[in-house]
Amino acid sequence: NETVHQLVMTARNEEIFRSVVGRIGSPQFVNALMAAYATGNLSLFELRVASFYLEVKDGKLTVVLGFGTHLFFVTSILLVIFMGVPISFLLLKASSASQYVTSLLFIGFYFLFSWFVGKDIRPILIAKRVSKKLQYGTLP
């Protein structure tokens, strides 16, 4: 009877976890994530977004950002910065109305590109914040 009850509770927790977080996890991962959420230091949004980078080590939830993640993060930021430099010079050097309009179109493209790249690096920033909250308990 106890085994059946434990199986039902585990299945219930896994189903709730899958519907809330959007991915399947082992019972250890589900329990560690629930324990991290129960502390009140992490929001459900943070856990959902960072879940791709979360792992359970020694029964504790940890954030694992690999070399590729850091490389992607730095490359994306540098790409946005180095694209902004020539576009700002276009705007500063505009002498006629057509050059000004063209530079404004480039700036519009630059903001759309920055938003697109930023959408990809936001989960990494959130995972870093979750890592600090898991390590230190909370952030000021």
N, C-alpha and C. Protein backbone atom coordinates (compact mmCIF):
# COMPACT_ATOMS: atom_id res chain seq x y z
N ASN A 1 0.82 -1.19 0.00
CA ASN A 1 0.00 0.00 0.00
C ASN A 1 0.87 1.27 0.00
N GLU A 2 1.94 1.27 0.79
CA GLU A 2 2.85 2.42 0.84
C GLU A 2 3.56 2.61 -0.49
N THR A 3 3.94 1.52 -1.16
CA THR A 3 4.62 1.59 -2.44
C THR A 3 3.71 2.20 -3.50
N VAL A 4 2.45 1.80 -3.50
CA VAL A 4 1.48 2.34 -4.46
C VAL A 4 1.27 3.83 -4.21
N HIS A 5 1.16 4.21 -2.94
CA HIS A 5 1.00 5.62 -2.60
C HIS A 5 2.20 6.44 -3.06
N GLN A 6 3.40 5.91 -2.85
CA GLN A 6 4.61 6.61 -3.28
C GLN A 6 4.67 6.73 -4.80
N LEU A 7 4.26 5.68 -5.51
CA LEU A 7 4.22 5.72 -6.97
C LEU A 7 3.24 6.77 -7.47
N VAL A 8 2.08 6.83 -6.85
CA VAL A 8 1.06 7.82 -7.25
C VAL A 8 1.57 9.23 -6.98
N MET A 9 2.19 9.46 -5.84
CA MET A 9 2.71 10.79 -5.51
C MET A 9 3.84 11.20 -6.46
N THR A 10 4.70 10.24 -6.81
CA THR A 10 5.78 10.54 -7.74
C THR A 10 5.22 10.88 -9.12
N ALA A 11 4.22 10.10 -9.58
CA ALA A 11 3.60 10.37 -10.88
C ALA A 11 2.90 11.73 -10.87
N ARG A 12 2.25 12.05 -9.76
CA ARG A 12 1.57 13.35 -9.65
C ARG A 12 2.58 14.49 -9.71
N ASN A 13 3.68 14.36 -8.96
CA ASN A 13 4.72 15.39 -8.97
C ASN A 13 5.34 15.55 -10.34
N GLU A 14 5.61 14.44 -11.03
CA GLU A 14 6.19 14.52 -12.37
C GLU A 14 5.24 15.17 -13.36
N GLU A 15 3.95 14.85 -13.27
CA GLU A 15 2.97 15.45 -14.18
C GLU A 15 2.81 16.93 -13.92
N ILE A 16 2.77 17.32 -12.65
CA ILE A 16 2.69 18.74 -12.31
C ILE A 16 3.95 19.45 -12.81
N PHE A 17 5.09 18.83 -12.59
CA PHE A 17 6.36 19.41 -13.03
C PHE A 17 6.36 19.60 -14.54
N ARG A 18 5.92 18.59 -15.28
CA ARG A 18 5.94 18.69 -16.74
C ARG A 18 4.99 19.78 -17.22
N SER A 19 3.84 19.92 -16.61
CA SER A 19 2.90 20.95 -17.06
C SER A 19 3.35 22.35 -16.65
N VAL A 20 4.03 22.48 -15.53
CA VAL A 20 4.46 23.80 -15.07
C VAL A 20 5.77 24.24 -15.72
N VAL A 21 6.77 23.35 -15.74
CA VAL A 21 8.09 23.72 -16.25
C VAL A 21 8.21 23.48 -17.75
N GLY A 22 7.50 22.50 -18.26
CA GLY A 22 7.53 22.27 -19.70
C GLY A 22 8.55 21.25 -20.14
N ARG A 23 9.09 20.49 -19.23
CA ARG A 23 10.02 19.43 -19.58
C ARG A 23 9.90 18.29 -18.60
N ILE A 24 10.39 17.15 -18.99
CA ILE A 24 10.34 15.97 -18.14
C ILE A 24 11.61 15.93 -17.30
N GLY A 25 11.48 15.52 -16.05
CA GLY A 25 12.63 15.43 -15.16
C GLY A 25 12.56 14.18 -14.31
N SER A 26 13.71 13.77 -13.85
CA SER A 26 13.77 12.61 -12.96
C SER A 26 13.14 12.97 -11.62
N PRO A 27 12.77 11.97 -10.83
CA PRO A 27 12.21 12.28 -9.50
C PRO A 27 13.16 13.11 -8.64
N GLN A 28 14.46 12.86 -8.74
CA GLN A 28 15.43 13.64 -7.96
C GLN A 28 15.42 15.10 -8.42
N PHE A 29 15.34 15.29 -9.75
CA PHE A 29 15.32 16.65 -10.30
C PHE A 29 14.04 17.37 -9.89
N VAL A 30 12.92 16.68 -9.96
CA VAL A 30 11.64 17.27 -9.57
C VAL A 30 11.67 17.67 -8.10
N ASN A 31 12.15 16.78 -7.24
CA ASN A 31 12.21 17.09 -5.80
C ASN A 31 13.16 18.24 -5.51
N ALA A 32 14.31 18.26 -6.18
CA ALA A 32 15.27 19.35 -5.96
C ALA A 32 14.70 20.68 -6.44
N LEU A 33 13.99 20.67 -7.57
CA LEU A 33 13.40 21.89 -8.08
C LEU A 33 12.28 22.38 -7.16
N MET A 34 11.48 21.45 -6.66
CA MET A 34 10.42 21.84 -5.72
C MET A 34 11.00 22.40 -4.43
N ALA A 35 12.09 21.80 -3.97
CA ALA A 35 12.73 22.31 -2.75
C ALA A 35 13.31 23.70 -2.97
N ALA A 36 13.89 23.94 -4.15
CA ALA A 36 14.43 25.26 -4.46
C ALA A 36 13.32 26.30 -4.55
N TYR A 37 12.20 25.92 -5.12
CA TYR A 37 11.07 26.85 -5.22
C TYR A 37 10.47 27.12 -3.85
N ALA A 38 10.45 26.11 -2.99
CA ALA A 38 9.85 26.24 -1.67
C ALA A 38 10.62 27.21 -0.78
N THR A 39 11.89 27.47 -1.08
CA THR A 39 12.66 28.42 -0.28
C THR A 39 12.13 29.84 -0.42
N GLY A 40 11.47 30.12 -1.54
CA GLY A 40 10.95 31.46 -1.77
C GLY A 40 11.95 32.40 -2.40
N ASN A 41 13.17 31.94 -2.62
CA ASN A 41 14.19 32.79 -3.23
C ASN A 41 14.09 32.82 -4.75
N LEU A 42 13.46 31.81 -5.33
CA LEU A 42 13.39 31.69 -6.79
C LEU A 42 11.94 31.73 -7.24
N SER A 43 11.71 32.45 -8.32
CA SER A 43 10.37 32.48 -8.88
C SER A 43 10.19 31.31 -9.84
N LEU A 44 8.95 31.01 -10.12
CA LEU A 44 8.66 29.93 -11.06
C LEU A 44 9.17 30.28 -12.45
N PHE A 45 9.08 31.56 -12.82
CA PHE A 45 9.59 32.00 -14.11
C PHE A 45 11.09 31.74 -14.22
N GLU A 46 11.84 32.08 -13.19
CA GLU A 46 13.29 31.86 -13.21
C GLU A 46 13.61 30.37 -13.35
N LEU A 47 12.91 29.55 -12.61
CA LEU A 47 13.17 28.11 -12.67
C LEU A 47 12.78 27.54 -14.03
N ARG A 48 11.69 28.03 -14.59
CA ARG A 48 11.25 27.54 -15.89
C ARG A 48 12.26 27.91 -16.98
N VAL A 49 12.71 29.13 -16.98
CA VAL A 49 13.65 29.58 -18.01
C VAL A 49 15.01 28.93 -17.85
N ALA A 50 15.47 28.79 -16.61
CA ALA A 50 16.80 28.24 -16.36
C ALA A 50 16.81 26.71 -16.33
N SER A 51 15.66 26.07 -16.48
CA SER A 51 15.60 24.60 -16.33
C SER A 51 16.49 23.87 -17.32
N PHE A 52 16.75 24.47 -18.47
CA PHE A 52 17.63 23.83 -19.46
C PHE A 52 19.05 23.68 -18.92
N TYR A 53 19.46 24.57 -18.04
CA TYR A 53 20.82 24.57 -17.50
C TYR A 53 20.91 23.97 -16.10
N LEU A 54 19.80 23.48 -15.55
CA LEU A 54 19.80 22.95 -14.19
C LEU A 54 20.10 21.46 -14.18
N GLU A 55 20.87 21.05 -13.18
CA GLU A 55 21.18 19.64 -12.94
C GLU A 55 21.17 19.39 -11.44
N VAL A 56 21.01 18.12 -11.08
CA VAL A 56 21.06 17.74 -9.67
C VAL A 56 22.40 17.08 -9.40
N LYS A 57 23.14 17.65 -8.45
CA LYS A 57 24.42 17.08 -8.03
C LYS A 57 24.39 16.96 -6.52
N ASP A 58 24.61 15.76 -6.03
CA ASP A 58 24.59 15.48 -4.59
C ASP A 58 23.28 15.92 -3.95
N GLY A 59 22.19 15.74 -4.66
CA GLY A 59 20.87 16.07 -4.12
C GLY A 59 20.53 17.54 -4.15
N LYS A 60 21.43 18.38 -4.67
CA LYS A 60 21.19 19.82 -4.73
C LYS A 60 21.10 20.26 -6.18
N LEU A 61 20.30 21.26 -6.40
CA LEU A 61 20.12 21.82 -7.72
C LEU A 61 21.29 22.74 -8.03
N THR A 62 21.91 22.56 -9.19
CA THR A 62 23.02 23.42 -9.61
C THR A 62 22.80 23.85 -11.06
N VAL A 63 23.38 24.97 -11.40
CA VAL A 63 23.33 25.48 -12.76
C VAL A 63 24.65 25.14 -13.43
N VAL A 64 24.55 24.49 -14.60
CA VAL A 64 25.74 24.10 -15.35
C VAL A 64 25.73 24.85 -16.68
N LEU A 65 26.59 25.85 -16.77
CA LEU A 65 26.77 26.59 -18.02
C LEU A 65 28.10 26.14 -18.62
N GLY A 66 28.03 25.47 -19.73
CA GLY A 66 29.24 24.93 -20.35
C GLY A 66 30.02 25.99 -21.10
N PHE A 67 31.12 25.57 -21.68
CA PHE A 67 31.99 26.46 -22.45
C PHE A 67 31.25 27.05 -23.64
N GLY A 68 30.45 26.23 -24.31
CA GLY A 68 29.70 26.70 -25.47
C GLY A 68 28.71 27.78 -25.11
N THR A 69 28.10 27.66 -23.95
CA THR A 69 27.15 28.68 -23.50
C THR A 69 27.86 30.00 -23.25
N HIS A 70 29.01 29.94 -22.59
CA HIS A 70 29.77 31.17 -22.34
C HIS A 70 30.27 31.78 -23.65
N LEU A 71 30.72 30.94 -24.57
CA LEU A 71 31.19 31.43 -25.86
C LEU A 71 30.06 32.10 -26.63
N PHE A 72 28.89 31.48 -26.63
CA PHE A 72 27.73 32.07 -27.30
C PHE A 72 27.35 33.39 -26.66
N PHE A 73 27.38 33.45 -25.35
CA PHE A 73 27.02 34.66 -24.61
C PHE A 73 27.96 35.81 -24.96
N VAL A 74 29.26 35.57 -24.87
CA VAL A 74 30.24 36.63 -25.15
C VAL A 74 30.21 37.03 -26.62
N THR A 75 30.11 36.06 -27.52
CA THR A 75 30.07 36.37 -28.95
C THR A 75 28.84 37.20 -29.29
N SER A 76 27.70 36.87 -28.72
CA SER A 76 26.48 37.63 -29.00
C SER A 76 26.60 39.07 -28.53
N ILE A 77 27.13 39.26 -27.33
CA ILE A 77 27.28 40.62 -26.80
C ILE A 77 28.27 41.42 -27.65
N LEU A 78 29.40 40.81 -27.99
CA LEU A 78 30.39 41.52 -28.81
C LEU A 78 29.84 41.83 -30.20
N LEU A 79 29.07 40.94 -30.77
CA LEU A 79 28.48 41.17 -32.08
C LEU A 79 27.53 42.36 -32.05
N VAL A 80 26.71 42.45 -31.02
CA VAL A 80 25.79 43.58 -30.91
C VAL A 80 26.57 44.88 -30.71
N ILE A 81 27.59 44.85 -29.89
CA ILE A 81 28.38 46.06 -29.64
C ILE A 81 29.11 46.50 -30.90
N PHE A 82 29.77 45.56 -31.57
CA PHE A 82 30.55 45.94 -32.75
C PHE A 82 29.68 46.28 -33.96
N MET A 83 28.43 45.83 -33.97
CA MET A 83 27.51 46.28 -35.02
C MET A 83 27.04 47.69 -34.74
N GLY A 84 26.93 48.05 -33.48
CA GLY A 84 26.44 49.37 -33.12
C GLY A 84 27.41 50.49 -33.44
N VAL A 85 28.70 50.20 -33.44
CA VAL A 85 29.70 51.24 -33.69
C VAL A 85 29.59 51.81 -35.10
N PRO A 86 29.64 50.99 -36.16
CA PRO A 86 29.53 51.60 -37.50
C PRO A 86 28.16 52.22 -37.77
N ILE A 87 27.12 51.66 -37.16
CA ILE A 87 25.79 52.24 -37.37
C ILE A 87 25.69 53.61 -36.71
N SER A 88 26.32 53.79 -35.57
CA SER A 88 26.31 55.12 -34.93
C SER A 88 27.11 56.12 -35.76
N PHE A 89 28.18 55.66 -36.40
CA PHE A 89 28.94 56.57 -37.27
C PHE A 89 28.12 56.97 -38.49
N LEU A 90 27.30 56.05 -39.01
CA LEU A 90 26.42 56.40 -40.13
C LEU A 90 25.48 57.53 -39.74
N LEU A 91 24.94 57.45 -38.54
CA LEU A 91 24.02 58.49 -38.10
C LEU A 91 24.74 59.81 -37.88
N LEU A 92 25.95 59.75 -37.34
CA LEU A 92 26.70 60.98 -37.08
C LEU A 92 27.19 61.64 -38.36
N LYS A 93 27.48 60.85 -39.38
CA LYS A 93 28.03 61.39 -40.63
C LYS A 93 26.95 61.74 -41.65
N ALA A 94 25.69 61.56 -41.31
CA ALA A 94 24.61 61.86 -42.25
C ALA A 94 24.57 63.36 -42.52
N SER A 95 24.68 63.73 -43.81
CA SER A 95 24.67 65.15 -44.16
C SER A 95 23.42 65.54 -44.93
N SER A 96 22.76 64.56 -45.53
CA SER A 96 21.53 64.88 -46.27
C SER A 96 20.36 64.10 -45.66
N ALA A 97 19.18 64.46 -46.10
CA ALA A 97 17.98 63.81 -45.58
C ALA A 97 17.94 62.33 -45.94
N SER A 98 18.37 61.99 -47.16
CA SER A 98 18.34 60.59 -47.59
C SER A 98 19.34 59.75 -46.78
N GLN A 99 20.50 60.31 -46.49
CA GLN A 99 21.47 59.59 -45.66
C GLN A 99 20.95 59.43 -44.23
N TYR A 100 20.26 60.44 -43.76
CA TYR A 100 19.70 60.39 -42.41
C TYR A 100 18.62 59.31 -42.33
N VAL A 101 17.75 59.25 -43.32
CA VAL A 101 16.69 58.24 -43.34
C VAL A 101 17.29 56.85 -43.46
N THR A 102 18.32 56.70 -44.30
CA THR A 102 18.99 55.41 -44.46
C THR A 102 19.63 54.98 -43.15
N SER A 103 20.28 55.90 -42.47
CA SER A 103 20.91 55.56 -41.19
C SER A 103 19.85 55.20 -40.15
N LEU A 104 18.70 55.86 -40.18
CA LEU A 104 17.62 55.50 -39.26
C LEU A 104 17.08 54.10 -39.56
N LEU A 105 17.02 53.74 -40.84
CA LEU A 105 16.61 52.37 -41.19
C LEU A 105 17.62 51.36 -40.67
N PHE A 106 18.90 51.69 -40.79
CA PHE A 106 19.93 50.80 -40.24
C PHE A 106 19.81 50.69 -38.72
N ILE A 107 19.50 51.78 -38.07
CA ILE A 107 19.32 51.75 -36.62
C ILE A 107 18.11 50.90 -36.25
N GLY A 108 17.05 51.01 -37.03
CA GLY A 108 15.88 50.15 -36.79
C GLY A 108 16.24 48.68 -36.94
N PHE A 109 16.99 48.36 -38.00
CA PHE A 109 17.45 46.99 -38.19
C PHE A 109 18.34 46.56 -37.02
N TYR A 110 19.20 47.46 -36.56
CA TYR A 110 20.11 47.15 -35.46
C TYR A 110 19.32 46.85 -34.17
N PHE A 111 18.29 47.64 -33.89
CA PHE A 111 17.49 47.38 -32.69
C PHE A 111 16.74 46.06 -32.80
N LEU A 112 16.22 45.74 -33.98
CA LEU A 112 15.56 44.45 -34.17
C LEU A 112 16.55 43.30 -34.00
N PHE A 113 17.75 43.47 -34.55
CA PHE A 113 18.78 42.44 -34.41
C PHE A 113 19.19 42.28 -32.95
N SER A 114 19.34 43.40 -32.25
CA SER A 114 19.71 43.35 -30.83
C SER A 114 18.63 42.67 -30.02
N TRP A 115 17.37 42.94 -30.33
CA TRP A 115 16.26 42.29 -29.64
C TRP A 115 16.28 40.80 -29.91
N PHE A 116 16.54 40.41 -31.16
CA PHE A 116 16.58 39.00 -31.53
C PHE A 116 17.72 38.27 -30.79
N VAL A 117 18.89 38.87 -30.76
CA VAL A 117 20.04 38.27 -30.06
C VAL A 117 19.79 38.28 -28.56
N GLY A 118 19.23 39.36 -28.06
CA GLY A 118 18.94 39.45 -26.64
C GLY A 118 17.95 38.39 -26.17
N LYS A 119 17.03 38.03 -27.05
CA LYS A 119 16.08 36.98 -26.72
C LYS A 119 16.79 35.65 -26.51
N ASP A 120 17.90 35.44 -27.20
CA ASP A 120 18.66 34.20 -27.05
C ASP A 120 19.56 34.19 -25.82
N ILE A 121 20.01 35.36 -25.38
CA ILE A 121 20.92 35.37 -24.24
C ILE A 121 20.21 35.65 -22.91
N ARG A 122 18.93 36.02 -22.95
CA ARG A 122 18.18 36.23 -21.71
C ARG A 122 18.14 34.99 -20.83
N PRO A 123 17.89 33.78 -21.39
CA PRO A 123 17.90 32.60 -20.52
C PRO A 123 19.25 32.36 -19.84
N ILE A 124 20.33 32.72 -20.52
CA ILE A 124 21.65 32.56 -19.92
C ILE A 124 21.82 33.52 -18.75
N LEU A 125 21.37 34.76 -18.92
CA LEU A 125 21.44 35.73 -17.82
C LEU A 125 20.59 35.29 -16.64
N ILE A 126 19.41 34.76 -16.94
CA ILE A 126 18.53 34.28 -15.86
C ILE A 126 19.15 33.07 -15.18
N ALA A 127 19.78 32.17 -15.96
CA ALA A 127 20.44 31.00 -15.36
C ALA A 127 21.59 31.44 -14.46
N LYS A 128 22.32 32.48 -14.85
CA LYS A 128 23.39 32.99 -13.98
C LYS A 128 22.81 33.56 -12.69
N ARG A 129 21.68 34.26 -12.78
CA ARG A 129 21.04 34.80 -11.59
C ARG A 129 20.54 33.67 -10.68
N VAL A 130 19.97 32.63 -11.28
CA VAL A 130 19.51 31.47 -10.51
C VAL A 130 20.68 30.80 -9.83
N SER A 131 21.81 30.70 -10.53
CA SER A 131 23.01 30.10 -9.94
C SER A 131 23.45 30.87 -8.71
N LYS A 132 23.45 32.19 -8.79
CA LYS A 132 23.85 33.00 -7.63
C LYS A 132 22.85 32.85 -6.48
N LYS A 133 21.57 32.80 -6.82
CA LYS A 133 20.56 32.63 -5.77
C LYS A 133 20.66 31.26 -5.11
N LEU A 134 20.95 30.23 -5.90
CA LEU A 134 21.12 28.90 -5.32
C LEU A 134 22.36 28.83 -4.45
N GLN A 135 23.40 29.55 -4.86
CA GLN A 135 24.67 29.51 -4.13
C GLN A 135 24.63 30.34 -2.86
N TYR A 136 24.05 31.55 -2.96
CA TYR A 136 24.10 32.48 -1.83
C TYR A 136 22.77 32.61 -1.09
N GLY A 137 21.73 31.97 -1.57
CA GLY A 137 20.44 32.03 -0.92
C GLY A 137 19.52 33.07 -1.52
N THR A 138 19.99 34.27 -1.67
CA THR A 138 19.19 35.34 -2.27
C THR A 138 20.12 36.43 -2.76
N LEU A 139 19.61 37.30 -3.60
CA LEU A 139 20.38 38.43 -4.08
C LEU A 139 19.81 39.71 -3.48
N PRO A 140 20.67 40.70 -3.26
CA PRO A 140 20.17 41.98 -2.68
C PRO A 140 19.29 42.71 -3.67
